[in-house]
Amino acid sequence: MREPKRENFGKGKAGEAEYQKARAAYIEWLNTEKNRVTAADLPSIDLPGLGPSSGTRSPNDVEAKRWFKFVGAKAKKGSASRRYYDDFVNVLKNAGVPQKDWQSVWDDAIDWTQTYGSGSDGKPIKFLSTWSPSDYADEGSGRQFGTTKAQQTTVTEYSTSAAAADLMTAYKSELGFEPGEADIAAYRKAVNKAAKGEPAVYTSTTTTAPGKGGVISTSKSTGISQTGFDPTKFEVS
C-alpha cells in the first residue's frame, strides 16, 4: 500500500475527509505490517467486547489504559466488563495494594501485554500471575499487609559463682559451714537442668495495615543468659 497524497484527492471538505480516511487506513496497514514483521508475538489487546475474543477492533494501548477507569469501573454490575474489572481489583485488594495505585497496576498490565517477548496473549488480567505486590508498596514502608508472629525462648544458665552465691547462704544458715567445690558443682548442674525445663518464653504479634493477608512469618529463637564470673565468691576468709 502506498502512502496517500493530498493532491490526489478532491478540493474542499469532501476531499479532505477522503484524504484523512485514506491516511488512517494507511497508518493502520503500517502498524499491521510492523507487528507482522518485527513483533510477531505481540498479540492484540483483548478486553470484554473489544478485541479478538469479541471479533471486534482491538483497542490500542492508550484506549486500553483508559478502559479501566472509564469503562470497567463504571460498567453495570454483572456485565462482562464489570466482572473483568472486579476480578482484577479483587486481586489487588487481597494483596493490600492501595486504591490510588490500582490504575498504575492496570497500566503496567497493558504495557506487559505489548512487551516483546512477554509471551502475553493480550489479556491484561494474566499480568497478575507474574507481578509482585511489593513493587507497588510505598517507598521505605516494606510489606503493606499481613501478621508477623514471633516467639523467643530464653534459658537461664547459672555460672559457678552464681551457684555458689545461692548455695552459700543456705549452707551457712542451715548447716553452719560453707559448701565445697563438689557441692557447688552438683547444685549448679541441678539448677541448670531445672532451668532448661522451665525456660522464659516471650511471644508477640504484630499486624501491619492495610492487612488482609495471612501470617507472613513465624520465627522462633533461643538464647542463653549467663551471669558473669565473680572471683570474690571463692575468697578464703
Protein backbone atom coordinates (compact mmCIF):
# COMPACT_ATOMS: atom_id res chain seq x y z
CA MET A 1 0.00 0.00 0.00
CA ARG A 2 1.30 3.42 -0.95
CA GLU A 3 1.09 6.46 1.27
CA PRO A 4 -1.78 8.71 0.09
CA LYS A 5 -1.01 12.24 -1.07
CA ARG A 6 -3.34 15.17 -0.52
CA GLU A 7 -3.15 16.33 -4.10
CA ASN A 8 -4.69 13.09 -5.29
CA PHE A 9 -7.97 13.91 -3.57
CA GLY A 10 -10.61 16.49 -4.36
CA LYS A 11 -10.68 20.01 -3.01
CA GLY A 12 -12.68 21.29 -0.09
CA LYS A 13 -14.06 19.48 2.92
CA ALA A 14 -15.10 16.40 0.98
CA GLY A 15 -11.61 15.94 -0.45
CA GLU A 16 -10.02 16.49 2.96
CA ALA A 17 -12.32 13.89 4.51
CA GLU A 18 -11.43 11.34 1.85
CA TYR A 19 -7.73 12.05 2.30
CA GLN A 20 -7.90 11.65 6.11
CA LYS A 21 -9.81 8.38 5.71
CA ALA A 22 -7.19 7.05 3.31
CA ARG A 23 -4.37 8.21 5.56
CA ALA A 24 -5.91 6.45 8.60
CA ALA A 25 -6.19 3.23 6.59
CA TYR A 26 -2.55 3.58 5.53
CA ILE A 27 -1.37 4.06 9.14
CA GLU A 28 -3.38 1.04 10.25
CA TRP A 29 -1.78 -1.01 7.49
CA LEU A 30 1.70 0.15 8.57
CA ASN A 31 1.01 -0.93 12.16
CA THR A 32 -0.22 -4.30 10.97
CA GLU A 33 2.91 -4.79 8.89
CA LYS A 34 5.12 -3.73 11.77
CA ASN A 35 3.52 -6.26 14.09
CA ARG A 36 3.70 -8.96 11.45
CA VAL A 37 7.36 -8.39 10.58
CA THR A 38 9.07 -7.07 13.71
CA ALA A 39 6.79 -8.08 16.58
CA ALA A 40 5.07 -11.25 15.55
CA ASP A 41 4.46 -12.37 19.13
CA LEU A 42 2.70 -9.16 20.18
CA PRO A 43 -1.00 -10.03 20.31
CA SER A 44 -3.89 -7.61 20.06
CA ILE A 45 -5.15 -6.35 23.41
CA ASP A 46 -8.18 -8.42 24.36
CA LEU A 47 -10.88 -6.96 26.65
CA PRO A 48 -14.56 -7.75 27.17
CA GLY A 49 -16.32 -6.63 23.98
CA LEU A 50 -13.08 -5.41 22.43
CA GLY A 51 -10.51 -7.45 20.54
CA PRO A 52 -10.09 -10.95 19.12
CA SER A 53 -12.41 -12.72 21.59
CA SER A 54 -15.29 -10.47 20.53
CA GLY A 55 -14.42 -10.29 16.85
CA THR A 56 -14.09 -6.51 17.00
CA ARG A 57 -11.34 -3.96 16.66
CA SER A 58 -8.68 -4.28 19.34
CA PRO A 59 -8.04 -1.12 21.41
CA ASN A 60 -4.61 0.48 21.28
CA ASP A 61 -2.62 0.83 24.49
CA VAL A 62 -3.93 4.31 25.30
CA GLU A 63 -7.54 3.23 24.84
CA ALA A 64 -6.96 0.09 26.88
CA LYS A 65 -5.48 2.06 29.79
CA ARG A 66 -8.46 4.42 29.81
CA TRP A 67 -10.84 1.45 29.72
CA PHE A 68 -10.06 0.62 33.36
CA LYS A 69 -11.33 3.93 34.76
CA PHE A 70 -13.96 4.96 32.27
CA VAL A 71 -15.46 1.63 31.21
CA GLY A 72 -14.67 -1.19 33.62
CA ALA A 73 -15.21 0.78 36.83
CA LYS A 74 -18.45 2.34 35.55
CA ALA A 75 -19.92 -0.70 33.84
CA LYS A 76 -23.18 -2.19 35.07
CA LYS A 77 -22.77 -4.78 37.80
CA GLY A 78 -22.97 -8.28 36.40
CA SER A 79 -21.85 -7.21 32.93
CA ALA A 80 -18.79 -8.82 31.34
CA SER A 81 -16.81 -5.59 31.62
CA ARG A 82 -17.65 -5.10 35.29
CA ARG A 83 -16.87 -8.72 36.17
CA TYR A 84 -13.47 -8.39 34.47
CA TYR A 85 -12.79 -5.16 36.35
CA ASP A 86 -13.91 -6.63 39.69
CA ASP A 87 -11.80 -9.77 39.22
CA PHE A 88 -8.73 -7.62 38.61
CA VAL A 89 -9.44 -5.29 41.53
CA ASN A 90 -10.16 -8.10 43.99
CA VAL A 91 -6.67 -9.48 43.47
CA LEU A 92 -5.22 -6.04 44.22
CA LYS A 93 -7.36 -5.67 47.35
CA ASN A 94 -6.32 -9.06 48.68
CA ALA A 95 -2.68 -8.16 48.06
CA GLY A 96 -3.07 -4.93 50.05
CA VAL A 97 -2.40 -2.59 47.13
CA PRO A 98 -3.81 0.90 47.91
CA GLN A 99 -6.63 2.08 45.64
CA LYS A 100 -4.53 5.01 44.48
CA ASP A 101 -2.18 2.50 42.82
CA TRP A 102 -4.78 0.36 41.04
CA GLN A 103 -4.54 2.33 37.81
CA SER A 104 -0.76 2.02 37.86
CA VAL A 105 -1.01 -1.76 38.11
CA TRP A 106 -3.50 -1.82 35.24
CA ASP A 107 -1.27 0.40 33.09
CA ASP A 108 1.62 -1.96 33.72
CA ALA A 109 -0.61 -4.87 32.77
CA ILE A 110 -1.40 -3.22 29.43
CA ASP A 111 2.29 -2.49 28.81
CA TRP A 112 3.06 -6.11 29.67
CA THR A 113 0.69 -7.41 27.00
CA GLN A 114 2.53 -5.30 24.44
CA THR A 115 6.08 -6.11 25.51
CA TYR A 116 8.16 -8.08 23.06
CA GLY A 117 9.00 -11.49 24.49
CA SER A 118 6.48 -11.39 27.36
CA GLY A 119 4.53 -14.30 25.94
CA SER A 120 1.26 -12.49 26.59
CA ASP A 121 -1.90 -13.45 24.72
CA GLY A 122 -3.29 -9.92 25.02
CA LYS A 123 -5.27 -10.42 28.24
CA PRO A 124 -4.17 -7.86 30.89
CA ILE A 125 -5.59 -9.84 33.80
CA LYS A 126 -2.96 -12.53 33.22
CA PHE A 127 -0.36 -9.99 34.30
CA LEU A 128 -1.38 -10.80 37.88
CA SER A 129 0.22 -14.22 37.56
CA THR A 130 3.63 -12.59 37.07
CA TRP A 131 3.54 -9.40 39.13
CA SER A 132 4.93 -8.68 42.60
CA PRO A 133 2.69 -6.69 45.01
CA SER A 134 5.79 -5.32 46.75
CA ASP A 135 6.54 -3.30 43.61
CA TYR A 136 3.58 -1.10 44.48
CA ALA A 137 4.29 -0.67 48.20
CA ASP A 138 5.06 2.83 49.43
CA GLU A 139 8.79 3.50 49.34
CA GLY A 140 10.52 2.60 52.57
CA SER A 141 7.43 1.08 54.14
CA GLY A 142 8.24 -2.56 53.43
CA ARG A 143 5.38 -5.03 53.35
CA GLN A 144 1.96 -3.48 53.49
CA PHE A 145 -0.09 -6.36 54.81
CA GLY A 146 -0.17 -9.43 57.00
CA THR A 147 0.62 -10.56 60.51
CA THR A 148 4.02 -11.43 61.91
CA LYS A 149 4.27 -13.70 64.92
CA ALA A 150 7.44 -14.15 66.95
CA GLN A 151 8.41 -16.42 69.83
CA GLN A 152 11.60 -16.12 71.85
CA THR A 153 12.67 -18.79 74.31
CA THR A 154 15.40 -17.96 76.82
CA VAL A 155 17.03 -20.47 79.14
CA THR A 156 18.99 -19.10 82.12
CA GLU A 157 22.34 -20.81 82.72
CA TYR A 158 23.87 -20.40 86.15
CA SER A 159 27.61 -19.85 86.37
CA THR A 160 29.73 -21.38 89.12
CA SER A 161 29.84 -18.08 91.03
CA ALA A 162 26.06 -17.63 90.79
CA ALA A 163 25.51 -21.16 92.06
CA ALA A 164 27.97 -20.53 94.90
CA ALA A 165 26.18 -17.33 95.92
CA ASP A 166 22.83 -19.13 96.14
CA LEU A 167 24.26 -22.11 97.99
CA MET A 168 26.47 -20.16 100.39
CA THR A 169 23.60 -18.58 102.30
CA ALA A 170 21.66 -21.84 102.58
CA TYR A 171 24.66 -23.82 103.88
CA LYS A 172 25.63 -21.24 106.48
CA SER A 173 22.11 -20.81 107.83
CA GLU A 174 21.10 -24.47 107.75
CA LEU A 175 24.39 -26.39 108.26
CA GLY A 176 26.73 -23.83 109.73
CA PHE A 177 29.53 -24.18 107.18
CA GLU A 178 30.32 -23.18 103.61
CA PRO A 179 29.77 -25.53 100.66
CA GLY A 180 32.72 -27.15 98.95
CA GLU A 181 33.53 -27.15 95.24
CA ALA A 182 31.82 -30.53 94.74
CA ASP A 183 28.64 -29.25 96.43
CA ILE A 184 28.61 -26.12 94.26
CA ALA A 185 29.18 -28.15 91.06
CA ALA A 186 26.37 -30.55 91.93
CA TYR A 187 23.99 -27.69 92.74
CA ARG A 188 24.90 -25.84 89.53
CA LYS A 189 24.21 -28.95 87.46
CA ALA A 190 20.84 -29.46 89.12
CA VAL A 191 19.57 -25.89 88.76
CA ASN A 192 20.69 -25.66 85.13
CA LYS A 193 18.79 -28.86 84.35
CA ALA A 194 15.70 -27.43 86.03
CA ALA A 195 16.10 -24.12 84.17
CA LYS A 196 16.03 -25.89 80.80
CA GLY A 197 12.71 -27.46 81.74
CA GLU A 198 11.14 -24.09 82.52
CA PRO A 199 12.51 -21.55 80.03
CA ALA A 200 11.24 -17.98 79.79
CA VAL A 201 9.03 -17.62 76.71
CA TYR A 202 8.07 -14.30 75.10
CA THR A 203 5.53 -14.18 72.27
CA SER A 204 4.44 -11.18 70.22
CA THR A 205 2.11 -10.48 67.33
CA THR A 206 2.44 -7.51 65.00
CA THR A 207 -0.17 -6.67 62.39
CA THR A 208 0.58 -4.14 59.64
CA ALA A 209 -2.03 -2.17 57.73
CA PRO A 210 -3.91 -2.36 55.46
CA GLY A 211 -3.62 -6.08 56.02
CA LYS A 212 -5.87 -8.83 54.83
CA GLY A 213 -3.01 -11.19 54.24
CA GLY A 214 -2.25 -14.13 56.49
CA VAL A 215 0.77 -14.76 58.65
CA ILE A 216 3.85 -13.57 56.82
CA SER A 217 6.35 -15.35 59.01
CA THR A 218 6.70 -17.10 62.33
CA SER A 219 10.14 -17.04 63.89
CA LYS A 220 11.48 -18.83 66.93
CA SER A 221 14.78 -18.07 68.61
CA THR A 222 16.55 -19.41 71.67
CA GLY A 223 19.21 -17.76 73.80
CA ILE A 224 21.28 -18.33 76.92
CA SER A 225 21.67 -15.75 79.67
CA GLN A 226 24.74 -16.49 81.74
CA THR A 227 25.82 -14.48 84.74
CA GLY A 228 29.41 -13.27 84.89
CA PHE A 229 32.12 -14.94 86.94
CA ASP A 230 32.71 -13.38 90.34
CA PRO A 231 36.03 -14.48 91.94
CA THR A 232 35.12 -12.95 95.32
CA LYS A 233 32.74 -15.86 95.90
CA PHE A 234 35.73 -18.14 96.31
CA GLU A 235 37.89 -15.95 98.54
CA VAL A 236 39.14 -17.63 101.72
CA SER A 237 38.19 -15.73 104.86
